[in-house]
């Protein structure tokens, strides 16, 4: 089962673009939407990302988006 999960994660990661903060800001200026999946407590502690759409991870995995 580990091989299957590992393979699925590797495949998914091939389609994820990771940006530095500067790259993310530039992408947002060009029209990209940044989804902030950090828990609410992290956003309170470290601050909001201006223009990002904040989504609590529980929304995605508790049936909200699945």
PDB file of N, CA and C in Angstrom:
ATOM      1  N   UNK A   1       0.817  -1.191   0.000  1.00  0.00           N
ATOM      2  CA  UNK A   1       0.000   0.000   0.000  1.00  0.00           C
ATOM      3  C   UNK A   1       0.860   1.253   0.000  1.00  0.00           C
ATOM      4  N   UNK A   2       1.990   1.205   0.694  1.00  0.00           N
ATOM      5  CA  UNK A   2       2.873   2.364   0.735  1.00  0.00           C
ATOM      6  C   UNK A   2       3.326   2.754  -0.663  1.00  0.00           C
ATOM      7  N   UNK A   3       3.643   1.752  -1.499  1.00  0.00           N
ATOM      8  CA  UNK A   3       4.071   2.050  -2.861  1.00  0.00           C
ATOM      9  C   UNK A   3       2.976   2.761  -3.628  1.00  0.00           C
ATOM     10  N   UNK A   4       1.733   2.360  -3.431  1.00  0.00           N
ATOM     11  CA  UNK A   4       0.620   2.993  -4.123  1.00  0.00           C
ATOM     12  C   UNK A   4       0.464   4.438  -3.669  1.00  0.00           C
ATOM     13  N   UNK A   5       0.518   4.667  -2.366  1.00  0.00           N
ATOM     14  CA  UNK A   5       0.387   6.023  -1.838  1.00  0.00           C
ATOM     15  C   UNK A   5       1.560   6.871  -2.298  1.00  0.00           C
ATOM     16  N   UNK A   6       2.756   6.326  -2.234  1.00  0.00           N
ATOM     17  CA  UNK A   6       3.938   7.055  -2.674  1.00  0.00           C
ATOM     18  C   UNK A   6       3.812   7.445  -4.142  1.00  0.00           C
ATOM     19  N   UNK A   7       3.359   6.524  -4.952  1.00  0.00           N
ATOM     20  CA  UNK A   7       3.178   6.803  -6.376  1.00  0.00           C
ATOM     21  C   UNK A   7       2.134   7.875  -6.625  1.00  0.00           C
ATOM     22  N   UNK A   8       1.033   7.805  -5.900  1.00  0.00           N
ATOM     23  CA  UNK A   8      -0.011   8.818  -6.042  1.00  0.00           C
ATOM     24  C   UNK A   8       0.497  10.196  -5.637  1.00  0.00           C
ATOM     25  N   UNK A   9       1.235  10.257  -4.535  1.00  0.00           N
ATOM     26  CA  UNK A   9       1.785  11.540  -4.096  1.00  0.00           C
ATOM     27  C   UNK A   9       2.787  12.097  -5.099  1.00  0.00           C
ATOM     28  N   UNK A  10       3.632  11.244  -5.631  1.00  0.00           N
ATOM     29  CA  UNK A  10       4.608  11.697  -6.627  1.00  0.00           C
ATOM     30  C   UNK A  10       3.907  12.238  -7.863  1.00  0.00           C
ATOM     31  N   UNK A  11       2.866  11.553  -8.305  1.00  0.00           N
ATOM     32  CA  UNK A  11       2.110  12.005  -9.473  1.00  0.00           C
ATOM     33  C   UNK A  11       1.439  13.342  -9.188  1.00  0.00           C
ATOM     34  N   UNK A  12       0.839  13.475  -8.014  1.00  0.00           N
ATOM     35  CA  UNK A  12       0.168  14.730  -7.653  1.00  0.00           C
ATOM     36  C   UNK A  12       1.172  15.875  -7.589  1.00  0.00           C
ATOM     37  N   UNK A  13       2.334  15.624  -7.007  1.00  0.00           N
ATOM     38  CA  UNK A  13       3.344  16.677  -6.858  1.00  0.00           C
ATOM     39  C   UNK A  13       3.860  17.172  -8.202  1.00  0.00           C
ATOM     40  N   UNK A  14       3.797  16.342  -9.220  1.00  0.00           N
ATOM     41  CA  UNK A  14       4.227  16.760 -10.550  1.00  0.00           C
ATOM     42  C   UNK A  14       3.336  17.866 -11.103  1.00  0.00           C
ATOM     43  N   UNK A  15       2.120  17.983 -10.581  1.00  0.00           N
ATOM     44  CA  UNK A  15       1.153  18.957 -11.082  1.00  0.00           C
ATOM     45  C   UNK A  15       0.995  20.161 -10.162  1.00  0.00           C
ATOM     46  N   UNK A  16       1.774  20.202  -9.087  1.00  0.00           N
ATOM     47  CA  UNK A  16       1.706  21.307  -8.139  1.00  0.00           C
ATOM     48  C   UNK A  16       2.874  22.244  -8.393  1.00  0.00           C
ATOM     49  N   UNK A  17       2.577  23.510  -8.546  1.00  0.00           N
ATOM     50  CA  UNK A  17       3.621  24.514  -8.707  1.00  0.00           C
ATOM     51  C   UNK A  17       3.846  25.175  -7.363  1.00  0.00           C
ATOM     52  N   UNK A  18       5.058  25.133  -6.885  1.00  0.00           N
ATOM     53  CA  UNK A  18       5.395  25.784  -5.615  1.00  0.00           C
ATOM     54  C   UNK A  18       6.112  27.090  -5.932  1.00  0.00           C
ATOM     55  N   UNK A  19       5.642  28.145  -5.300  1.00  0.00           N
ATOM     56  CA  UNK A  19       6.178  29.475  -5.546  1.00  0.00           C
ATOM     57  C   UNK A  19       6.874  30.019  -4.304  1.00  0.00           C
ATOM     58  N   UNK A  20       7.895  30.816  -4.527  1.00  0.00           N
ATOM     59  CA  UNK A  20       8.470  31.604  -3.437  1.00  0.00           C
ATOM     60  C   UNK A  20       7.478  32.729  -3.158  1.00  0.00           C
ATOM     61  N   UNK A  21       7.605  33.431  -2.040  1.00  0.00           N
ATOM     62  CA  UNK A  21       6.687  34.554  -1.786  1.00  0.00           C
ATOM     63  C   UNK A  21       6.686  35.585  -2.916  1.00  0.00           C
ATOM     64  N   UNK A  22       7.853  35.904  -3.449  1.00  0.00           N
ATOM     65  CA  UNK A  22       7.926  36.888  -4.532  1.00  0.00           C
ATOM     66  C   UNK A  22       7.248  36.356  -5.800  1.00  0.00           C
ATOM     67  N   UNK A  23       7.460  35.081  -6.109  1.00  0.00           N
ATOM     68  CA  UNK A  23       6.825  34.483  -7.285  1.00  0.00           C
ATOM     69  C   UNK A  23       5.310  34.435  -7.120  1.00  0.00           C
ATOM     70  N   UNK A  24       4.855  34.125  -5.905  1.00  0.00           N
ATOM     71  CA  UNK A  24       3.413  34.079  -5.640  1.00  0.00           C
ATOM     72  C   UNK A  24       2.795  35.456  -5.820  1.00  0.00           C
ATOM     73  N   UNK A  25       3.461  36.480  -5.308  1.00  0.00           N
ATOM     74  CA  UNK A  25       2.948  37.848  -5.456  1.00  0.00           C
ATOM     75  C   UNK A  25       2.858  38.234  -6.932  1.00  0.00           C
ATOM     76  N   UNK A  26       3.861  37.883  -7.696  1.00  0.00           N
ATOM     77  CA  UNK A  26       3.854  38.195  -9.134  1.00  0.00           C
ATOM     78  C   UNK A  26       2.743  37.425  -9.850  1.00  0.00           C
ATOM     79  N   UNK A  27       2.576  36.151  -9.505  1.00  0.00           N
ATOM     80  CA  UNK A  27       1.516  35.351 -10.122  1.00  0.00           C
ATOM     81  C   UNK A  27       0.139  35.939  -9.789  1.00  0.00           C
ATOM     82  N   UNK A  28      -0.035  36.399  -8.547  1.00  0.00           N
ATOM     83  CA  UNK A  28      -1.315  37.001  -8.167  1.00  0.00           C
ATOM     84  C   UNK A  28      -1.555  38.301  -8.941  1.00  0.00           C
ATOM     85  N   UNK A  29      -0.493  39.089  -9.141  1.00  0.00           N
ATOM     86  CA  UNK A  29      -0.643  40.322  -9.942  1.00  0.00           C
ATOM     87  C   UNK A  29      -1.066  39.989 -11.371  1.00  0.00           C
ATOM     88  N   UNK A  30      -0.638  38.804 -11.846  1.00  0.00           N
ATOM     89  CA  UNK A  30      -0.967  38.376 -13.205  1.00  0.00           C
ATOM     90  C   UNK A  30      -2.324  37.662 -13.276  1.00  0.00           C
ATOM     91  N   UNK A  31      -3.034  37.563 -12.125  1.00  0.00           N
ATOM     92  CA  UNK A  31      -4.369  36.982 -12.138  1.00  0.00           C
ATOM     93  C   UNK A  31      -4.532  35.638 -11.452  1.00  0.00           C
ATOM     94  N   UNK A  32      -3.449  35.083 -10.919  1.00  0.00           N
ATOM     95  CA  UNK A  32      -3.558  33.796 -10.234  1.00  0.00           C
ATOM     96  C   UNK A  32      -4.321  33.955  -8.920  1.00  0.00           C
ATOM     97  N   UNK A  33      -4.942  32.879  -8.483  1.00  0.00           N
ATOM     98  CA  UNK A  33      -5.629  32.854  -7.200  1.00  0.00           C
ATOM     99  C   UNK A  33      -4.778  32.018  -6.240  1.00  0.00           C
ATOM    100  N   UNK A  34      -4.444  32.620  -5.103  1.00  0.00           N
ATOM    101  CA  UNK A  34      -3.674  31.913  -4.088  1.00  0.00           C
ATOM    102  C   UNK A  34      -4.633  31.416  -3.021  1.00  0.00           C
ATOM    103  N   UNK A  35      -4.621  30.112  -2.785  1.00  0.00           N
ATOM    104  CA  UNK A  35      -5.470  29.513  -1.759  1.00  0.00           C
ATOM    105  C   UNK A  35      -4.585  29.227  -0.551  1.00  0.00           C
ATOM    106  N   UNK A  36      -4.909  29.870   0.560  1.00  0.00           N
ATOM    107  CA  UNK A  36      -4.141  29.727   1.794  1.00  0.00           C
ATOM    108  C   UNK A  36      -4.776  28.624   2.632  1.00  0.00           C
ATOM    109  N   UNK A  37      -4.113  27.476   2.692  1.00  0.00           N
ATOM    110  CA  UNK A  37      -4.645  26.320   3.410  1.00  0.00           C
ATOM    111  C   UNK A  37      -4.140  26.219   4.845  1.00  0.00           C
ATOM    112  N   UNK A  38      -3.452  27.247   5.320  1.00  0.00           N
ATOM    113  CA  UNK A  38      -2.956  27.192   6.698  1.00  0.00           C
ATOM    114  C   UNK A  38      -4.132  27.226   7.670  1.00  0.00           C
ATOM    115  N   UNK A  39      -3.987  26.540   8.800  1.00  0.00           N
ATOM    116  CA  UNK A  39      -5.046  26.595   9.808  1.00  0.00           C
ATOM    117  C   UNK A  39      -5.282  28.037  10.275  1.00  0.00           C
ATOM    118  N   UNK A  40      -6.474  28.303  10.732  1.00  0.00           N
ATOM    119  CA  UNK A  40      -6.852  29.645  11.186  1.00  0.00           C
ATOM    120  C   UNK A  40      -5.858  30.185  12.206  1.00  0.00           C
ATOM    121  N   UNK A  41      -5.439  29.345  13.141  1.00  0.00           N
ATOM    122  CA  UNK A  41      -4.516  29.788  14.178  1.00  0.00           C
ATOM    123  C   UNK A  41      -3.199  30.295  13.586  1.00  0.00           C
ATOM    124  N   UNK A  42      -2.736  29.674  12.520  1.00  0.00           N
ATOM    125  CA  UNK A  42      -1.504  30.122  11.866  1.00  0.00           C
ATOM    126  C   UNK A  42      -1.726  31.483  11.230  1.00  0.00           C
ATOM    127  N   UNK A  43      -2.864  31.662  10.587  1.00  0.00           N
ATOM    128  CA  UNK A  43      -3.136  32.954   9.957  1.00  0.00           C
ATOM    129  C   UNK A  43      -3.243  34.045  11.010  1.00  0.00           C
ATOM    130  N   UNK A  44      -3.835  33.732  12.169  1.00  0.00           N
ATOM    131  CA  UNK A  44      -3.913  34.711  13.260  1.00  0.00           C
ATOM    132  C   UNK A  44      -2.513  35.059  13.752  1.00  0.00           C
ATOM    133  N   UNK A  45      -1.687  34.024  13.909  1.00  0.00           N
ATOM    134  CA  UNK A  45      -0.352  34.229  14.478  1.00  0.00           C
ATOM    135  C   UNK A  45       0.602  34.911  13.507  1.00  0.00           C
ATOM    136  N   UNK A  46       0.600  34.468  12.252  1.00  0.00           N
ATOM    137  CA  UNK A  46       1.591  34.941  11.299  1.00  0.00           C
ATOM    138  C   UNK A  46       1.041  35.944  10.285  1.00  0.00           C
ATOM    139  N   UNK A  47      -0.268  36.153  10.299  1.00  0.00           N
ATOM    140  CA  UNK A  47      -0.869  37.145   9.426  1.00  0.00           C
ATOM    141  C   UNK A  47      -1.504  36.550   8.185  1.00  0.00           C
ATOM    142  N   UNK A  48      -2.437  37.320   7.663  1.00  0.00           N
ATOM    143  CA  UNK A  48      -3.127  36.954   6.423  1.00  0.00           C
ATOM    144  C   UNK A  48      -2.236  37.278   5.224  1.00  0.00           C
ATOM    145  N   UNK A  49      -2.484  36.629   4.126  1.00  0.00           N
ATOM    146  CA  UNK A  49      -1.808  36.942   2.871  1.00  0.00           C
ATOM    147  C   UNK A  49      -2.774  37.808   2.076  1.00  0.00           C
ATOM    148  N   UNK A  50      -2.424  39.071   1.847  1.00  0.00           N
ATOM    149  CA  UNK A  50      -3.354  39.961   1.139  1.00  0.00           C
ATOM    150  C   UNK A  50      -3.779  39.389  -0.210  1.00  0.00           C
ATOM    151  N   UNK A  51      -5.080  39.332  -0.432  1.00  0.00           N
ATOM    152  CA  UNK A  51      -5.628  38.850  -1.692  1.00  0.00           C
ATOM    153  C   UNK A  51      -5.819  37.348  -1.782  1.00  0.00           C
ATOM    154  N   UNK A  52      -5.305  36.594  -0.804  1.00  0.00           N
ATOM    155  CA  UNK A  52      -5.441  35.134  -0.839  1.00  0.00           C
ATOM    156  C   UNK A  52      -6.832  34.726  -0.373  1.00  0.00           C
ATOM    157  N   UNK A  53      -7.266  33.580  -0.852  1.00  0.00           N
ATOM    158  CA  UNK A  53      -8.519  32.986  -0.404  1.00  0.00           C
ATOM    159  C   UNK A  53      -8.162  32.005   0.709  1.00  0.00           C
ATOM    160  N   UNK A  54      -8.609  32.325   1.924  1.00  0.00           N
ATOM    161  CA  UNK A  54      -8.298  31.471   3.072  1.00  0.00           C
ATOM    162  C   UNK A  54      -9.335  30.361   3.169  1.00  0.00           C
ATOM    163  N   UNK A  55      -8.861  29.123   3.184  1.00  0.00           N
ATOM    164  CA  UNK A  55      -9.739  27.963   3.296  1.00  0.00           C
ATOM    165  C   UNK A  55      -9.178  27.083   4.400  1.00  0.00           C
ATOM    166  N   UNK A  56      -9.960  26.849   5.419  1.00  0.00           N
ATOM    167  CA  UNK A  56      -9.526  25.975   6.507  1.00  0.00           C
ATOM    168  C   UNK A  56      -9.397  24.559   5.945  1.00  0.00           C
ATOM    169  N   UNK A  57      -8.286  23.888   6.199  1.00  0.00           N
ATOM    170  CA  UNK A  57      -8.117  22.546   5.648  1.00  0.00           C
ATOM    171  C   UNK A  57      -9.264  21.592   5.969  1.00  0.00           C
ATOM    172  N   UNK A  58      -9.901  21.745   7.104  1.00  0.00           N
ATOM    173  CA  UNK A  58     -11.023  20.883   7.458  1.00  0.00           C
ATOM    174  C   UNK A  58     -12.163  20.976   6.460  1.00  0.00           C
ATOM    175  N   UNK A  59     -12.284  22.114   5.786  1.00  0.00           N
ATOM    176  CA  UNK A  59     -13.326  22.289   4.782  1.00  0.00           C
ATOM    177  C   UNK A  59     -13.113  21.335   3.613  1.00  0.00           C
ATOM    178  N   UNK A  60     -11.868  21.148   3.252  1.00  0.00           N
ATOM    179  CA  UNK A  60     -11.543  20.289   2.102  1.00  0.00           C
ATOM    180  C   UNK A  60     -11.725  18.818   2.427  1.00  0.00           C
ATOM    181  N   UNK A  61     -11.362  18.430   3.648  1.00  0.00           N
ATOM    182  CA  UNK A  61     -11.331  17.011   3.971  1.00  0.00           C
ATOM    183  C   UNK A  61     -12.491  16.525   4.809  1.00  0.00           C
ATOM    184  N   UNK A  62     -13.392  17.418   5.191  1.00  0.00           N
ATOM    185  CA  UNK A  62     -14.528  16.958   6.008  1.00  0.00           C
ATOM    186  C   UNK A  62     -15.784  16.815   5.169  1.00  0.00           C
ATOM    187  N   UNK A  63     -15.622  16.799   3.865  1.00  0.00           N
ATOM    188  CA  UNK A  63     -16.782  16.604   3.000  1.00  0.00           C
ATOM    189  C   UNK A  63     -17.221  17.887   2.315  1.00  0.00           C
ATOM    190  N   UNK A  64     -16.613  19.012   2.690  1.00  0.00           N
ATOM    191  CA  UNK A  64     -16.987  20.283   2.091  1.00  0.00           C
ATOM    192  C   UNK A  64     -16.675  20.353   0.608  1.00  0.00           C
ATOM    193  N   UNK A  65     -15.539  19.802   0.189  1.00  0.00           N
ATOM    194  CA  UNK A  65     -15.120  19.881  -1.205  1.00  0.00           C
ATOM    195  C   UNK A  65     -14.968  18.530  -1.853  1.00  0.00           C
ATOM    196  N   UNK A  66     -15.179  17.463  -1.121  1.00  0.00           N
ATOM    197  CA  UNK A  66     -14.904  16.153  -1.717  1.00  0.00           C
ATOM    198  C   UNK A  66     -16.116  15.559  -2.376  1.00  0.00           C
TER     199      UNK A  66
END
